[in-house]
Amino acid sequence: MRVNLSVPAKYLDGQPILPVNPDPQHIDGVLLPFNASNFTGAFESSLSRKMTISAVTMAESKLNNGQSLLGFNDLFIGTRSHVSARYDIALGDQQEFQSSSGIIVSTGAGSTGWLQSIYADASSVITALGGHVIGPVNSGRLPWDTAELIYTVREPFPSKVTGTQLTFGVIDKHHPLTITSHMADNGVIFSDGIEADYLSFNSGATATISVADKKANILSGQILSNPGGEQ
């Protein structure tokens, strides 16, 4: 079960969110420090502005037609179905044509979710093939306010015309990811696992994926000793 904090977070305009874990026994709740037992005290503290507010970096996809979409946890770029996604991908001076099961772009908040599944899958495959895996620092978990995004390509297919070199990397303010669709139909970009929250991404559309200027504000579990001071 996944509590989707992303729905309100990316559509608010600076208002802080008090994230509550409704079922701590079954939900990891990395982003949900509060529960039924401590909610009342946390809520009262938030009204008194005694809670620390943490800024959370989000991802943004901007299309060449002017449309845009924010992602609190992650963005998915691919197709609605199991048909392979086909597109040009470029980062800096590197570019290639790919066929894959889509691209995941993860924020620091999202690095504890979908990205962790990708790391686990990659690790298992390498180990099964006799390789040795050295995991990423801190199990791949990034700070909420990191100025970077991680992109990874799912199941890239190598062929005479499709490459597999640009399959994992870092996006920052100076190095956005550019993707141009070669999908006749069913191409989409959706955010935070919600397929209904999407942009159409069919042939001719170009998406620029970057760190969003807008940030989400989350109330953490830390109580301020000086409520009138900096938060």
C-alpha atoms as a PDB file:
ATOM      1  CA  MET A   1       0.000   0.000   0.000  1.00  0.00           C
ATOM      2  CA  ARG A   2       1.305   3.440  -0.962  1.00  0.00           C
ATOM      3  CA  VAL A   3       0.150   6.714   0.540  1.00  0.00           C
ATOM      4  CA  ASN A   4       0.300   9.281  -2.236  1.00  0.00           C
ATOM      5  CA  LEU A   5       1.532  12.471  -0.636  1.00  0.00           C
ATOM      6  CA  SER A   6       2.353  13.768  -4.101  1.00  0.00           C
ATOM      7  CA  VAL A   7      -1.224  14.656  -5.099  1.00  0.00           C
ATOM      8  CA  PRO A   8      -1.612  17.681  -2.800  1.00  0.00           C
ATOM      9  CA  ALA A   9       2.098  18.487  -2.621  1.00  0.00           C
ATOM     10  CA  LYS A  10       2.681  19.373  -6.249  1.00  0.00           C
ATOM     11  CA  TYR A  11      -0.492  21.444  -6.645  1.00  0.00           C
ATOM     12  CA  LEU A  12      -0.169  23.627  -3.559  1.00  0.00           C
ATOM     13  CA  ASP A  13       1.364  27.081  -3.708  1.00  0.00           C
ATOM     14  CA  GLY A  14       3.817  27.033  -0.826  1.00  0.00           C
ATOM     15  CA  GLN A  15       1.417  25.788   1.860  1.00  0.00           C
ATOM     16  CA  PRO A  16       3.111  23.284   4.215  1.00  0.00           C
ATOM     17  CA  ILE A  17       1.822  19.717   4.420  1.00  0.00           C
ATOM     18  CA  LEU A  18       1.510  17.673   7.606  1.00  0.00           C
ATOM     19  CA  PRO A  19       2.133  14.105   6.337  1.00  0.00           C
ATOM     20  CA  VAL A  20       0.384  11.344   8.303  1.00  0.00           C
ATOM     21  CA  ASN A  21       1.024   7.593   8.096  1.00  0.00           C
ATOM     22  CA  PRO A  22      -2.380   5.895   8.535  1.00  0.00           C
ATOM     23  CA  ASP A  23      -0.925   2.399   9.032  1.00  0.00           C
ATOM     24  CA  PRO A  24       2.661   2.377  10.391  1.00  0.00           C
ATOM     25  CA  GLN A  25       2.638  -1.437  10.754  1.00  0.00           C
ATOM     26  CA  HIS A  26       2.325  -1.934   7.009  1.00  0.00           C
ATOM     27  CA  ILE A  27       3.470   1.332   5.396  1.00  0.00           C
ATOM     28  CA  ASP A  28       7.160   2.281   5.544  1.00  0.00           C
ATOM     29  CA  GLY A  29       6.243   5.951   5.549  1.00  0.00           C
ATOM     30  CA  VAL A  30       9.688   7.422   4.892  1.00  0.00           C
ATOM     31  CA  LEU A  31       7.979  10.734   4.118  1.00  0.00           C
ATOM     32  CA  LEU A  32       5.270  10.282   6.770  1.00  0.00           C
ATOM     33  CA  PRO A  33       6.685  10.976  10.248  1.00  0.00           C
ATOM     34  CA  PHE A  34       3.299  11.456  11.952  1.00  0.00           C
ATOM     35  CA  ASN A  35       0.579   8.955  12.861  1.00  0.00           C
ATOM     36  CA  ALA A  36      -2.606   8.695  14.915  1.00  0.00           C
ATOM     37  CA  SER A  37      -0.718   8.754  18.223  1.00  0.00           C
ATOM     38  CA  ASN A  38       1.223  11.985  17.632  1.00  0.00           C
ATOM     39  CA  PHE A  39      -0.972  13.798  15.120  1.00  0.00           C
ATOM     40  CA  THR A  40      -2.763  16.058  17.611  1.00  0.00           C
ATOM     41  CA  GLY A  41       0.467  17.403  19.116  1.00  0.00           C
ATOM     42  CA  ALA A  42       2.019  17.833  15.675  1.00  0.00           C
ATOM     43  CA  PHE A  43      -1.052  19.651  14.365  1.00  0.00           C
ATOM     44  CA  GLU A  44      -1.091  22.040  17.319  1.00  0.00           C
ATOM     45  CA  SER A  45       2.621  22.696  16.886  1.00  0.00           C
ATOM     46  CA  SER A  46       2.122  23.412  13.201  1.00  0.00           C
ATOM     47  CA  LEU A  47      -0.584  25.980  13.970  1.00  0.00           C
ATOM     48  CA  SER A  48       1.861  27.671  16.350  1.00  0.00           C
ATOM     49  CA  ARG A  49       4.536  27.558  13.636  1.00  0.00           C
ATOM     50  CA  LYS A  50       6.756  25.439  15.857  1.00  0.00           C
ATOM     51  CA  MET A  51       7.430  22.788  13.222  1.00  0.00           C
ATOM     52  CA  THR A  52      10.416  22.693  10.896  1.00  0.00           C
ATOM     53  CA  ILE A  53       9.440  23.101   7.244  1.00  0.00           C
ATOM     54  CA  SER A  54      11.518  21.061   4.799  1.00  0.00           C
ATOM     55  CA  ALA A  55      11.688  22.086   1.147  1.00  0.00           C
ATOM     56  CA  VAL A  56      11.299  19.125  -1.226  1.00  0.00           C
ATOM     57  CA  THR A  57      12.715  19.217  -4.755  1.00  0.00           C
ATOM     58  CA  MET A  58      10.317  18.300  -7.565  1.00  0.00           C
ATOM     59  CA  ALA A  59      10.815  17.291 -11.195  1.00  0.00           C
ATOM     60  CA  GLU A  60       9.241  19.108 -14.112  1.00  0.00           C
ATOM     61  CA  SER A  61       8.479  18.077 -17.669  1.00  0.00           C
ATOM     62  CA  LYS A  62       7.929  20.859 -20.196  1.00  0.00           C
ATOM     63  CA  LEU A  63       6.642  20.099 -23.684  1.00  0.00           C
ATOM     64  CA  ASN A  64       7.404  22.119 -26.805  1.00  0.00           C
ATOM     65  CA  ASN A  65       3.672  22.984 -26.993  1.00  0.00           C
ATOM     66  CA  GLY A  66       3.831  24.844 -23.669  1.00  0.00           C
ATOM     67  CA  GLN A  67       2.286  22.165 -21.433  1.00  0.00           C
ATOM     68  CA  SER A  68       4.054  21.132 -18.256  1.00  0.00           C
ATOM     69  CA  LEU A  69       3.741  18.598 -15.445  1.00  0.00           C
ATOM     70  CA  LEU A  70       5.323  18.426 -11.995  1.00  0.00           C
ATOM     71  CA  GLY A  71       6.429  15.240 -10.249  1.00  0.00           C
ATOM     72  CA  PHE A  72       6.822  15.040  -6.463  1.00  0.00           C
ATOM     73  CA  ASN A  73       8.226  11.480  -6.482  1.00  0.00           C
ATOM     74  CA  ASP A  74       8.880  10.672 -10.117  1.00  0.00           C
ATOM     75  CA  LEU A  75       7.954  11.081 -13.759  1.00  0.00           C
ATOM     76  CA  PHE A  76       7.310   8.249 -16.221  1.00  0.00           C
ATOM     77  CA  ILE A  77       7.900   8.768 -19.930  1.00  0.00           C
ATOM     78  CA  GLY A  78       6.720   5.960 -22.199  1.00  0.00           C
ATOM     79  CA  THR A  79       3.530   4.351 -23.501  1.00  0.00           C
ATOM     80  CA  ARG A  80       0.185   3.463 -21.951  1.00  0.00           C
ATOM     81  CA  SER A  81       0.508  -0.179 -23.019  1.00  0.00           C
ATOM     82  CA  HIS A  82       3.210  -2.855 -23.077  1.00  0.00           C
ATOM     83  CA  VAL A  83       4.305  -1.712 -26.528  1.00  0.00           C
ATOM     84  CA  SER A  84       7.880  -0.459 -26.533  1.00  0.00           C
ATOM     85  CA  ALA A  85       8.429   3.269 -26.283  1.00  0.00           C
ATOM     86  CA  ARG A  86      10.577   4.761 -29.058  1.00  0.00           C
ATOM     87  CA  TYR A  87      12.233   8.132 -28.729  1.00  0.00           C
ATOM     88  CA  ASP A  88      15.407  10.175 -29.050  1.00  0.00           C
ATOM     89  CA  ILE A  89      17.102  10.919 -25.727  1.00  0.00           C
ATOM     90  CA  ALA A  90      19.762  13.562 -25.135  1.00  0.00           C
ATOM     91  CA  LEU A  91      21.783  14.696 -22.136  1.00  0.00           C
ATOM     92  CA  GLY A  92      24.491  17.295 -22.674  1.00  0.00           C
ATOM     93  CA  ASP A  93      26.341  16.435 -25.873  1.00  0.00           C
ATOM     94  CA  GLN A  94      25.254  12.766 -25.808  1.00  0.00           C
ATOM     95  CA  GLN A  95      22.268  11.576 -27.817  1.00  0.00           C
ATOM     96  CA  GLU A  96      20.798   8.297 -29.066  1.00  0.00           C
ATOM     97  CA  PHE A  97      17.643   6.665 -30.376  1.00  0.00           C
ATOM     98  CA  GLN A  98      16.148   4.137 -27.935  1.00  0.00           C
ATOM     99  CA  SER A  99      13.465   1.493 -27.657  1.00  0.00           C
ATOM    100  CA  SER A 100      12.520   0.615 -24.087  1.00  0.00           C
ATOM    101  CA  SER A 101       9.783   0.095 -21.525  1.00  0.00           C
ATOM    102  CA  GLY A 102       9.998   3.778 -20.650  1.00  0.00           C
ATOM    103  CA  ILE A 103      12.047   6.197 -18.600  1.00  0.00           C
ATOM    104  CA  ILE A 104      11.768   6.890 -14.872  1.00  0.00           C
ATOM    105  CA  VAL A 105      12.930  10.230 -13.476  1.00  0.00           C
ATOM    106  CA  SER A 106      13.158  10.265  -9.682  1.00  0.00           C
ATOM    107  CA  THR A 107      13.377  13.092  -7.152  1.00  0.00           C
ATOM    108  CA  GLY A 108      15.005  12.845  -3.737  1.00  0.00           C
ATOM    109  CA  ALA A 109      11.605  12.070  -2.226  1.00  0.00           C
ATOM    110  CA  GLY A 110      10.984   9.437  -4.895  1.00  0.00           C
ATOM    111  CA  SER A 111      14.380   7.810  -4.410  1.00  0.00           C
ATOM    112  CA  THR A 112      12.829   5.735  -1.613  1.00  0.00           C
ATOM    113  CA  GLY A 113      10.127   4.386  -3.934  1.00  0.00           C
ATOM    114  CA  TRP A 114      10.112   3.341  -7.599  1.00  0.00           C
ATOM    115  CA  LEU A 115      13.845   3.970  -7.937  1.00  0.00           C
ATOM    116  CA  GLN A 116      14.535   1.516  -5.104  1.00  0.00           C
ATOM    117  CA  SER A 117      12.671  -1.173  -7.072  1.00  0.00           C
ATOM    118  CA  ILE A 118      14.849  -0.493 -10.103  1.00  0.00           C
ATOM    119  CA  TYR A 119      18.027  -0.734  -8.025  1.00  0.00           C
ATOM    120  CA  ALA A 120      16.835  -4.014  -6.486  1.00  0.00           C
ATOM    121  CA  ASP A 121      16.046  -5.491  -9.909  1.00  0.00           C
ATOM    122  CA  ALA A 122      19.393  -4.435 -11.392  1.00  0.00           C
ATOM    123  CA  SER A 123      21.264  -5.827  -8.391  1.00  0.00           C
ATOM    124  CA  SER A 124      19.482  -9.189  -8.614  1.00  0.00           C
ATOM    125  CA  VAL A 125      20.193  -9.555 -12.337  1.00  0.00           C
ATOM    126  CA  ILE A 126      23.893  -8.701 -11.965  1.00  0.00           C
ATOM    127  CA  THR A 127      24.268 -11.113  -9.055  1.00  0.00           C
ATOM    128  CA  ALA A 128      22.475 -13.897 -10.962  1.00  0.00           C
ATOM    129  CA  LEU A 129      24.903 -13.411 -13.849  1.00  0.00           C
ATOM    130  CA  GLY A 130      27.870 -13.857 -11.534  1.00  0.00           C
ATOM    131  CA  GLY A 131      28.713 -10.217 -11.027  1.00  0.00           C
ATOM    132  CA  HIS A 132      29.473  -8.336  -7.826  1.00  0.00           C
ATOM    133  CA  VAL A 133      27.294  -5.404  -6.858  1.00  0.00           C
ATOM    134  CA  ILE A 134      28.469  -2.388  -4.891  1.00  0.00           C
ATOM    135  CA  GLY A 135      25.293  -0.575  -3.950  1.00  0.00           C
ATOM    136  CA  PRO A 136      24.869   3.195  -4.137  1.00  0.00           C
ATOM    137  CA  VAL A 137      25.666   5.357  -1.118  1.00  0.00           C
ATOM    138  CA  ASN A 138      22.888   5.321   1.494  1.00  0.00           C
ATOM    139  CA  SER A 139      21.087   2.643  -0.563  1.00  0.00           C
ATOM    140  CA  GLY A 140      20.469   5.237  -3.246  1.00  0.00           C
ATOM    141  CA  ARG A 141      18.352   7.463  -1.026  1.00  0.00           C
ATOM    142  CA  LEU A 142      18.827  11.136  -1.812  1.00  0.00           C
ATOM    143  CA  PRO A 143      18.063  14.142   0.411  1.00  0.00           C
ATOM    144  CA  TRP A 144      14.604  15.643  -0.080  1.00  0.00           C
ATOM    145  CA  ASP A 145      16.148  18.957  -1.112  1.00  0.00           C
ATOM    146  CA  THR A 146      18.758  17.554  -3.481  1.00  0.00           C
ATOM    147  CA  ALA A 147      19.362  19.715  -6.539  1.00  0.00           C
ATOM    148  CA  GLU A 148      19.537  16.608  -8.745  1.00  0.00           C
ATOM    149  CA  LEU A 149      17.192  14.106 -10.346  1.00  0.00           C
ATOM    150  CA  ILE A 150      18.063  10.523 -11.276  1.00  0.00           C
ATOM    151  CA  TYR A 151      16.889   9.089 -14.591  1.00  0.00           C
ATOM    152  CA  THR A 152      16.925   5.438 -15.551  1.00  0.00           C
ATOM    153  CA  VAL A 153      15.719   3.636 -18.681  1.00  0.00           C
ATOM    154  CA  ARG A 154      13.660   0.478 -18.167  1.00  0.00           C
ATOM    155  CA  GLU A 155      14.613  -2.547 -20.278  1.00  0.00           C
ATOM    156  CA  PRO A 156      16.466  -0.724 -23.087  1.00  0.00           C
ATOM    157  CA  PHE A 157      16.674  -2.844 -26.225  1.00  0.00           C
ATOM    158  CA  PRO A 158      19.912  -2.929 -28.263  1.00  0.00           C
ATOM    159  CA  SER A 159      19.522  -3.270 -32.037  1.00  0.00           C
ATOM    160  CA  LYS A 160      20.954  -1.992 -35.304  1.00  0.00           C
ATOM    161  CA  VAL A 161      19.202   1.331 -34.795  1.00  0.00           C
ATOM    162  CA  THR A 162      18.571   1.593 -31.025  1.00  0.00           C
ATOM    163  CA  GLY A 163      21.243   2.205 -28.397  1.00  0.00           C
ATOM    164  CA  THR A 164      21.709   1.462 -24.699  1.00  0.00           C
ATOM    165  CA  GLN A 165      24.342   3.953 -23.587  1.00  0.00           C
ATOM    166  CA  LEU A 166      22.180   6.702 -22.070  1.00  0.00           C
ATOM    167  CA  THR A 167      20.324   4.464 -19.628  1.00  0.00           C
ATOM    168  CA  PHE A 168      21.180   5.977 -16.239  1.00  0.00           C
ATOM    169  CA  GLY A 169      22.364   9.372 -15.102  1.00  0.00           C
ATOM    170  CA  VAL A 170      21.922  12.638 -13.268  1.00  0.00           C
ATOM    171  CA  ILE A 171      19.832  15.639 -14.273  1.00  0.00           C
ATOM    172  CA  ASP A 172      20.556  19.043 -12.756  1.00  0.00           C
ATOM    173  CA  LYS A 173      19.863  22.706 -13.486  1.00  0.00           C
ATOM    174  CA  HIS A 174      22.667  22.830 -16.034  1.00  0.00           C
ATOM    175  CA  HIS A 175      22.009  19.428 -17.626  1.00  0.00           C
ATOM    176  CA  PRO A 176      18.328  18.794 -18.408  1.00  0.00           C
ATOM    177  CA  LEU A 177      17.199  15.629 -20.158  1.00  0.00           C
ATOM    178  CA  THR A 178      15.594  16.078 -23.580  1.00  0.00           C
ATOM    179  CA  ILE A 179      13.320  13.409 -25.051  1.00  0.00           C
ATOM    180  CA  THR A 180      11.647  13.518 -28.468  1.00  0.00           C
ATOM    181  CA  SER A 181       8.809  11.074 -29.067  1.00  0.00           C
ATOM    182  CA  HIS A 182       8.662   8.674 -32.018  1.00  0.00           C
ATOM    183  CA  MET A 183       5.425   7.067 -30.811  1.00  0.00           C
ATOM    184  CA  ALA A 184       2.478   7.376 -33.188  1.00  0.00           C
ATOM    185  CA  ASP A 185      -0.024   7.086 -30.351  1.00  0.00           C
ATOM    186  CA  ASN A 186      -0.378   6.159 -26.659  1.00  0.00           C
ATOM    187  CA  GLY A 187       2.763   8.091 -25.721  1.00  0.00           C
ATOM    188  CA  VAL A 188       2.432   9.608 -22.248  1.00  0.00           C
ATOM    189  CA  ILE A 189       4.257  11.398 -19.467  1.00  0.00           C
ATOM    190  CA  PHE A 190       2.637  10.895 -16.076  1.00  0.00           C
ATOM    191  CA  SER A 191       3.743  11.693 -12.560  1.00  0.00           C
ATOM    192  CA  ASP A 192       3.811   9.920  -9.212  1.00  0.00           C
ATOM    193  CA  GLY A 193       2.275   6.684 -10.464  1.00  0.00           C
ATOM    194  CA  ILE A 194      -1.029   8.348 -11.363  1.00  0.00           C
ATOM    195  CA  GLU A 195      -1.752   7.511 -14.995  1.00  0.00           C
ATOM    196  CA  ALA A 196      -4.726   9.883 -15.087  1.00  0.00           C
ATOM    197  CA  ASP A 197      -2.378  12.797 -14.362  1.00  0.00           C
ATOM    198  CA  TYR A 198      -0.556  12.886 -17.688  1.00  0.00           C
ATOM    199  CA  LEU A 199       0.606  14.729 -20.768  1.00  0.00           C
ATOM    200  CA  SER A 200       0.170  13.229 -24.235  1.00  0.00           C
ATOM    201  CA  PHE A 201       3.579  12.454 -25.718  1.00  0.00           C
ATOM    202  CA  ASN A 202       3.219  11.368 -29.314  1.00  0.00           C
ATOM    203  CA  SER A 203       5.389  11.772 -32.431  1.00  0.00           C
ATOM    204  CA  GLY A 204       6.856  15.238 -32.787  1.00  0.00           C
ATOM    205  CA  ALA A 205       6.523  16.156 -29.119  1.00  0.00           C
ATOM    206  CA  THR A 206       9.712  17.081 -27.279  1.00  0.00           C
ATOM    207  CA  ALA A 207       9.942  17.059 -23.483  1.00  0.00           C
ATOM    208  CA  THR A 208      12.571  18.828 -21.428  1.00  0.00           C
ATOM    209  CA  ILE A 209      12.966  17.195 -18.006  1.00  0.00           C
ATOM    210  CA  SER A 210      14.571  19.363 -15.351  1.00  0.00           C
ATOM    211  CA  VAL A 211      14.645  20.268 -11.668  1.00  0.00           C
ATOM    212  CA  ALA A 212      11.517  22.319 -11.008  1.00  0.00           C
ATOM    213  CA  ASP A 213      11.777  25.880  -9.716  1.00  0.00           C
ATOM    214  CA  LYS A 214       8.752  25.180  -7.517  1.00  0.00           C
ATOM    215  CA  LYS A 215       9.284  23.177  -4.334  1.00  0.00           C
ATOM    216  CA  ALA A 216       6.911  21.342  -2.018  1.00  0.00           C
ATOM    217  CA  ASN A 217       6.932  22.194   1.702  1.00  0.00           C
ATOM    218  CA  ILE A 218       6.671  19.339   4.195  1.00  0.00           C
ATOM    219  CA  LEU A 219       6.393  19.653   7.970  1.00  0.00           C
ATOM    220  CA  SER A 220       8.966  17.393   9.613  1.00  0.00           C
ATOM    221  CA  GLY A 221       9.033  15.898  13.089  1.00  0.00           C
ATOM    222  CA  GLN A 222      11.446  18.497  14.480  1.00  0.00           C
ATOM    223  CA  ILE A 223      10.072  21.056  16.945  1.00  0.00           C
ATOM    224  CA  LEU A 224      11.619  24.515  16.724  1.00  0.00           C
ATOM    225  CA  SER A 225      13.083  25.925  19.937  1.00  0.00           C
ATOM    226  CA  ASN A 226      12.629  29.457  18.569  1.00  0.00           C
ATOM    227  CA  PRO A 227       9.281  29.583  16.745  1.00  0.00           C
ATOM    228  CA  GLY A 228       9.850  33.205  15.733  1.00  0.00           C
ATOM    229  CA  GLY A 229      13.216  32.441  14.135  1.00  0.00           C
ATOM    230  CA  GLU A 230      14.193  31.071  10.757  1.00  0.00           C
ATOM    231  CA  GLN A 231      12.522  27.904   9.537  1.00  0.00           C
END
